[in-house]
């Protein structure tokens, strides 16, 4: 059976609320998501980014749950047909025996039924890099 999801996690040296604010900010997504680079706001909580691979545009809407420190990214090519394809979750460091000023950031992607094996492998490789970009941007204080 082909894989249906992929998950990556990194420890980040910032408080959980700061990491959440960074992940929930649609413009910031355009700094770390390789498939949504150079994002611009195009509507109410709607953003357009460009794939670094083929230059195609993608629309996305980050839907945050601040109480649970979760962001669902609804993605697609048409505003009325966005689907939740990626999730970010932040876990406070103290909840996992780490420092209070740190957190764990997890990205989860779900495989669309129409996605080819090559496209899925590219998405998995991107997430492995993207989690490191999130970690580095937060460490450098470049988030909100």
C-alpha atoms as a PDB file:
ATOM      1  CA  UNK A   1       0.000   0.000   0.000  1.00  0.00           C
ATOM      2  CA  UNK A   2       1.459   3.415  -0.913  1.00  0.00           C
ATOM      3  CA  UNK A   3       2.078   5.885   1.914  1.00  0.00           C
ATOM      4  CA  UNK A   4      -0.895   8.134   2.645  1.00  0.00           C
ATOM      5  CA  UNK A   5       0.798  10.701   4.882  1.00  0.00           C
ATOM      6  CA  UNK A   6       4.183  12.055   5.848  1.00  0.00           C
ATOM      7  CA  UNK A   7       5.255  13.665   9.124  1.00  0.00           C
ATOM      8  CA  UNK A   8       8.371  15.633  10.119  1.00  0.00           C
ATOM      9  CA  UNK A   9       9.214  17.235  13.459  1.00  0.00           C
ATOM     10  CA  UNK A  10      11.933  19.575  14.669  1.00  0.00           C
ATOM     11  CA  UNK A  11      12.735  21.114  18.022  1.00  0.00           C
ATOM     12  CA  UNK A  12      12.662  24.900  17.807  1.00  0.00           C
ATOM     13  CA  UNK A  13      14.330  27.226  20.286  1.00  0.00           C
ATOM     14  CA  UNK A  14      11.352  29.584  20.637  1.00  0.00           C
ATOM     15  CA  UNK A  15       8.220  29.553  22.783  1.00  0.00           C
ATOM     16  CA  UNK A  16       5.302  27.588  21.357  1.00  0.00           C
ATOM     17  CA  UNK A  17       3.070  30.662  20.876  1.00  0.00           C
ATOM     18  CA  UNK A  18       5.733  32.362  18.764  1.00  0.00           C
ATOM     19  CA  UNK A  19       6.133  29.298  16.552  1.00  0.00           C
ATOM     20  CA  UNK A  20       2.356  29.053  16.164  1.00  0.00           C
ATOM     21  CA  UNK A  21       2.070  32.735  15.151  1.00  0.00           C
ATOM     22  CA  UNK A  22       4.775  32.217  12.528  1.00  0.00           C
ATOM     23  CA  UNK A  23       3.116  29.102  11.094  1.00  0.00           C
ATOM     24  CA  UNK A  24      -0.353  30.706  11.037  1.00  0.00           C
ATOM     25  CA  UNK A  25       0.860  33.801   9.172  1.00  0.00           C
ATOM     26  CA  UNK A  26       0.037  33.277   5.484  1.00  0.00           C
ATOM     27  CA  UNK A  27       2.765  35.601   4.262  1.00  0.00           C
ATOM     28  CA  UNK A  28       5.387  33.821   6.374  1.00  0.00           C
ATOM     29  CA  UNK A  29       4.383  30.519   4.746  1.00  0.00           C
ATOM     30  CA  UNK A  30       5.806  32.003   1.549  1.00  0.00           C
ATOM     31  CA  UNK A  31       9.250  32.046   3.165  1.00  0.00           C
ATOM     32  CA  UNK A  32       9.467  28.369   4.051  1.00  0.00           C
ATOM     33  CA  UNK A  33       7.004  26.374   1.888  1.00  0.00           C
ATOM     34  CA  UNK A  34       8.846  25.433  -1.307  1.00  0.00           C
ATOM     35  CA  UNK A  35       5.567  24.930  -3.179  1.00  0.00           C
ATOM     36  CA  UNK A  36       4.202  28.326  -2.081  1.00  0.00           C
ATOM     37  CA  UNK A  37       7.214  30.622  -2.244  1.00  0.00           C
ATOM     38  CA  UNK A  38       7.017  34.426  -2.435  1.00  0.00           C
ATOM     39  CA  UNK A  39       3.444  34.519  -1.175  1.00  0.00           C
ATOM     40  CA  UNK A  40       1.072  37.411  -1.584  1.00  0.00           C
ATOM     41  CA  UNK A  41      -2.300  38.036  -0.015  1.00  0.00           C
ATOM     42  CA  UNK A  42      -5.086  37.761  -2.599  1.00  0.00           C
ATOM     43  CA  UNK A  43      -8.209  37.704  -0.410  1.00  0.00           C
ATOM     44  CA  UNK A  44      -9.531  37.371   3.087  1.00  0.00           C
ATOM     45  CA  UNK A  45      -7.046  34.951   4.659  1.00  0.00           C
ATOM     46  CA  UNK A  46      -6.261  33.688   1.140  1.00  0.00           C
ATOM     47  CA  UNK A  47      -2.719  33.630  -0.240  1.00  0.00           C
ATOM     48  CA  UNK A  48      -1.012  32.784  -3.508  1.00  0.00           C
ATOM     49  CA  UNK A  49       2.458  31.306  -3.677  1.00  0.00           C
ATOM     50  CA  UNK A  50       4.621  29.975  -6.480  1.00  0.00           C
ATOM     51  CA  UNK A  51       6.216  26.548  -6.751  1.00  0.00           C
ATOM     52  CA  UNK A  52      10.003  26.682  -6.900  1.00  0.00           C
ATOM     53  CA  UNK A  53       9.870  23.510  -9.004  1.00  0.00           C
ATOM     54  CA  UNK A  54       7.702  24.457 -11.962  1.00  0.00           C
ATOM     55  CA  UNK A  55       6.579  28.030 -11.346  1.00  0.00           C
ATOM     56  CA  UNK A  56       2.912  27.142 -10.993  1.00  0.00           C
ATOM     57  CA  UNK A  57       0.744  29.163  -8.655  1.00  0.00           C
ATOM     58  CA  UNK A  58      -1.010  27.626  -5.671  1.00  0.00           C
ATOM     59  CA  UNK A  59      -3.656  29.091  -3.408  1.00  0.00           C
ATOM     60  CA  UNK A  60      -3.772  28.354   0.290  1.00  0.00           C
ATOM     61  CA  UNK A  61      -5.684  29.388   3.356  1.00  0.00           C
ATOM     62  CA  UNK A  62      -4.128  28.846   6.797  1.00  0.00           C
ATOM     63  CA  UNK A  63      -6.848  27.995   9.321  1.00  0.00           C
ATOM     64  CA  UNK A  64      -5.495  28.270  12.841  1.00  0.00           C
ATOM     65  CA  UNK A  65      -6.666  26.929  16.175  1.00  0.00           C
ATOM     66  CA  UNK A  66      -4.705  29.023  18.666  1.00  0.00           C
ATOM     67  CA  UNK A  67      -5.972  27.105  21.696  1.00  0.00           C
ATOM     68  CA  UNK A  68      -4.598  23.837  20.315  1.00  0.00           C
ATOM     69  CA  UNK A  69      -1.598  25.379  18.471  1.00  0.00           C
ATOM     70  CA  UNK A  70      -2.647  23.779  15.171  1.00  0.00           C
ATOM     71  CA  UNK A  71      -2.751  25.246  11.668  1.00  0.00           C
ATOM     72  CA  UNK A  72      -4.538  23.487   8.816  1.00  0.00           C
ATOM     73  CA  UNK A  73      -3.431  24.606   5.361  1.00  0.00           C
ATOM     74  CA  UNK A  74      -6.242  24.381   2.813  1.00  0.00           C
ATOM     75  CA  UNK A  75      -4.609  24.164  -0.611  1.00  0.00           C
ATOM     76  CA  UNK A  76      -5.682  24.192  -4.249  1.00  0.00           C
ATOM     77  CA  UNK A  77      -5.915  26.145  -7.467  1.00  0.00           C
ATOM     78  CA  UNK A  78      -9.438  27.564  -7.038  1.00  0.00           C
ATOM     79  CA  UNK A  79     -10.546  29.539  -3.961  1.00  0.00           C
ATOM     80  CA  UNK A  80     -13.845  27.650  -3.712  1.00  0.00           C
ATOM     81  CA  UNK A  81     -12.172  24.230  -3.926  1.00  0.00           C
ATOM     82  CA  UNK A  82      -9.373  24.314  -1.345  1.00  0.00           C
ATOM     83  CA  UNK A  83      -8.776  21.114   0.616  1.00  0.00           C
ATOM     84  CA  UNK A  84      -6.922  20.546   3.916  1.00  0.00           C
ATOM     85  CA  UNK A  85      -3.689  18.942   2.699  1.00  0.00           C
ATOM     86  CA  UNK A  86      -1.092  19.976   5.287  1.00  0.00           C
ATOM     87  CA  UNK A  87      -1.186  20.550   9.033  1.00  0.00           C
ATOM     88  CA  UNK A  88       1.308  22.160  11.402  1.00  0.00           C
ATOM     89  CA  UNK A  89       1.170  21.399  15.101  1.00  0.00           C
ATOM     90  CA  UNK A  90       3.189  23.009  17.867  1.00  0.00           C
ATOM     91  CA  UNK A  91       3.824  21.271  21.191  1.00  0.00           C
ATOM     92  CA  UNK A  92       5.261  23.372  24.040  1.00  0.00           C
ATOM     93  CA  UNK A  93       8.704  22.218  25.103  1.00  0.00           C
ATOM     94  CA  UNK A  94       7.678  21.679  28.729  1.00  0.00           C
ATOM     95  CA  UNK A  95       5.004  19.182  27.615  1.00  0.00           C
ATOM     96  CA  UNK A  96       7.776  16.908  26.339  1.00  0.00           C
ATOM     97  CA  UNK A  97      10.386  17.459  29.057  1.00  0.00           C
ATOM     98  CA  UNK A  98      12.190  20.215  27.159  1.00  0.00           C
ATOM     99  CA  UNK A  99      12.848  23.838  28.058  1.00  0.00           C
ATOM    100  CA  UNK A 100       9.866  26.142  28.502  1.00  0.00           C
ATOM    101  CA  UNK A 101      11.253  28.487  25.839  1.00  0.00           C
ATOM    102  CA  UNK A 102      11.299  25.760  23.206  1.00  0.00           C
ATOM    103  CA  UNK A 103       8.761  23.705  21.306  1.00  0.00           C
ATOM    104  CA  UNK A 104       8.323  20.886  18.848  1.00  0.00           C
ATOM    105  CA  UNK A 105       6.977  21.798  15.410  1.00  0.00           C
ATOM    106  CA  UNK A 106       5.419  19.041  13.321  1.00  0.00           C
ATOM    107  CA  UNK A 107       4.330  19.192   9.682  1.00  0.00           C
ATOM    108  CA  UNK A 108       1.940  16.516   8.410  1.00  0.00           C
ATOM    109  CA  UNK A 109       1.007  16.118   4.738  1.00  0.00           C
ATOM    110  CA  UNK A 110      -1.716  13.871   3.348  1.00  0.00           C
ATOM    111  CA  UNK A 111      -1.386  12.310  -0.070  1.00  0.00           C
ATOM    112  CA  UNK A 112      -4.075  13.255  -2.553  1.00  0.00           C
ATOM    113  CA  UNK A 113      -5.486  10.187  -4.350  1.00  0.00           C
ATOM    114  CA  UNK A 114      -4.447  11.602  -7.737  1.00  0.00           C
ATOM    115  CA  UNK A 115      -0.826  12.236  -6.730  1.00  0.00           C
ATOM    116  CA  UNK A 116       1.778  10.292  -8.701  1.00  0.00           C
ATOM    117  CA  UNK A 117       4.597   8.503  -6.920  1.00  0.00           C
ATOM    118  CA  UNK A 118       7.108  11.029  -8.280  1.00  0.00           C
ATOM    119  CA  UNK A 119       5.018  13.978  -7.072  1.00  0.00           C
ATOM    120  CA  UNK A 120       4.613  12.362  -3.631  1.00  0.00           C
ATOM    121  CA  UNK A 121       8.364  11.734  -3.341  1.00  0.00           C
ATOM    122  CA  UNK A 122       8.974  15.400  -4.163  1.00  0.00           C
ATOM    123  CA  UNK A 123       6.484  16.502  -1.487  1.00  0.00           C
ATOM    124  CA  UNK A 124       8.176  14.285   1.114  1.00  0.00           C
ATOM    125  CA  UNK A 125      11.602  15.676   0.196  1.00  0.00           C
ATOM    126  CA  UNK A 126      10.234  19.233   0.424  1.00  0.00           C
ATOM    127  CA  UNK A 127       8.830  18.671   3.898  1.00  0.00           C
ATOM    128  CA  UNK A 128      12.183  17.361   5.090  1.00  0.00           C
ATOM    129  CA  UNK A 129      13.733  20.666   3.971  1.00  0.00           C
ATOM    130  CA  UNK A 130      10.800  22.880   5.004  1.00  0.00           C
ATOM    131  CA  UNK A 131      10.896  21.788   8.646  1.00  0.00           C
ATOM    132  CA  UNK A 132      14.574  22.834   8.722  1.00  0.00           C
ATOM    133  CA  UNK A 133      13.685  26.186   7.143  1.00  0.00           C
ATOM    134  CA  UNK A 134      11.010  26.754   9.807  1.00  0.00           C
ATOM    135  CA  UNK A 135      13.521  25.855  12.515  1.00  0.00           C
ATOM    136  CA  UNK A 136      16.192  28.178  11.082  1.00  0.00           C
ATOM    137  CA  UNK A 137      13.853  31.137  10.500  1.00  0.00           C
ATOM    138  CA  UNK A 138      12.513  30.882  14.038  1.00  0.00           C
ATOM    139  CA  UNK A 139      16.021  30.571  15.509  1.00  0.00           C
ATOM    140  CA  UNK A 140      17.159  33.672  13.634  1.00  0.00           C
ATOM    141  CA  UNK A 141      14.212  35.628  14.997  1.00  0.00           C
ATOM    142  CA  UNK A 142      12.767  36.162  11.537  1.00  0.00           C
ATOM    143  CA  UNK A 143       9.246  35.150  12.499  1.00  0.00           C
ATOM    144  CA  UNK A 144       6.590  37.389  14.037  1.00  0.00           C
END
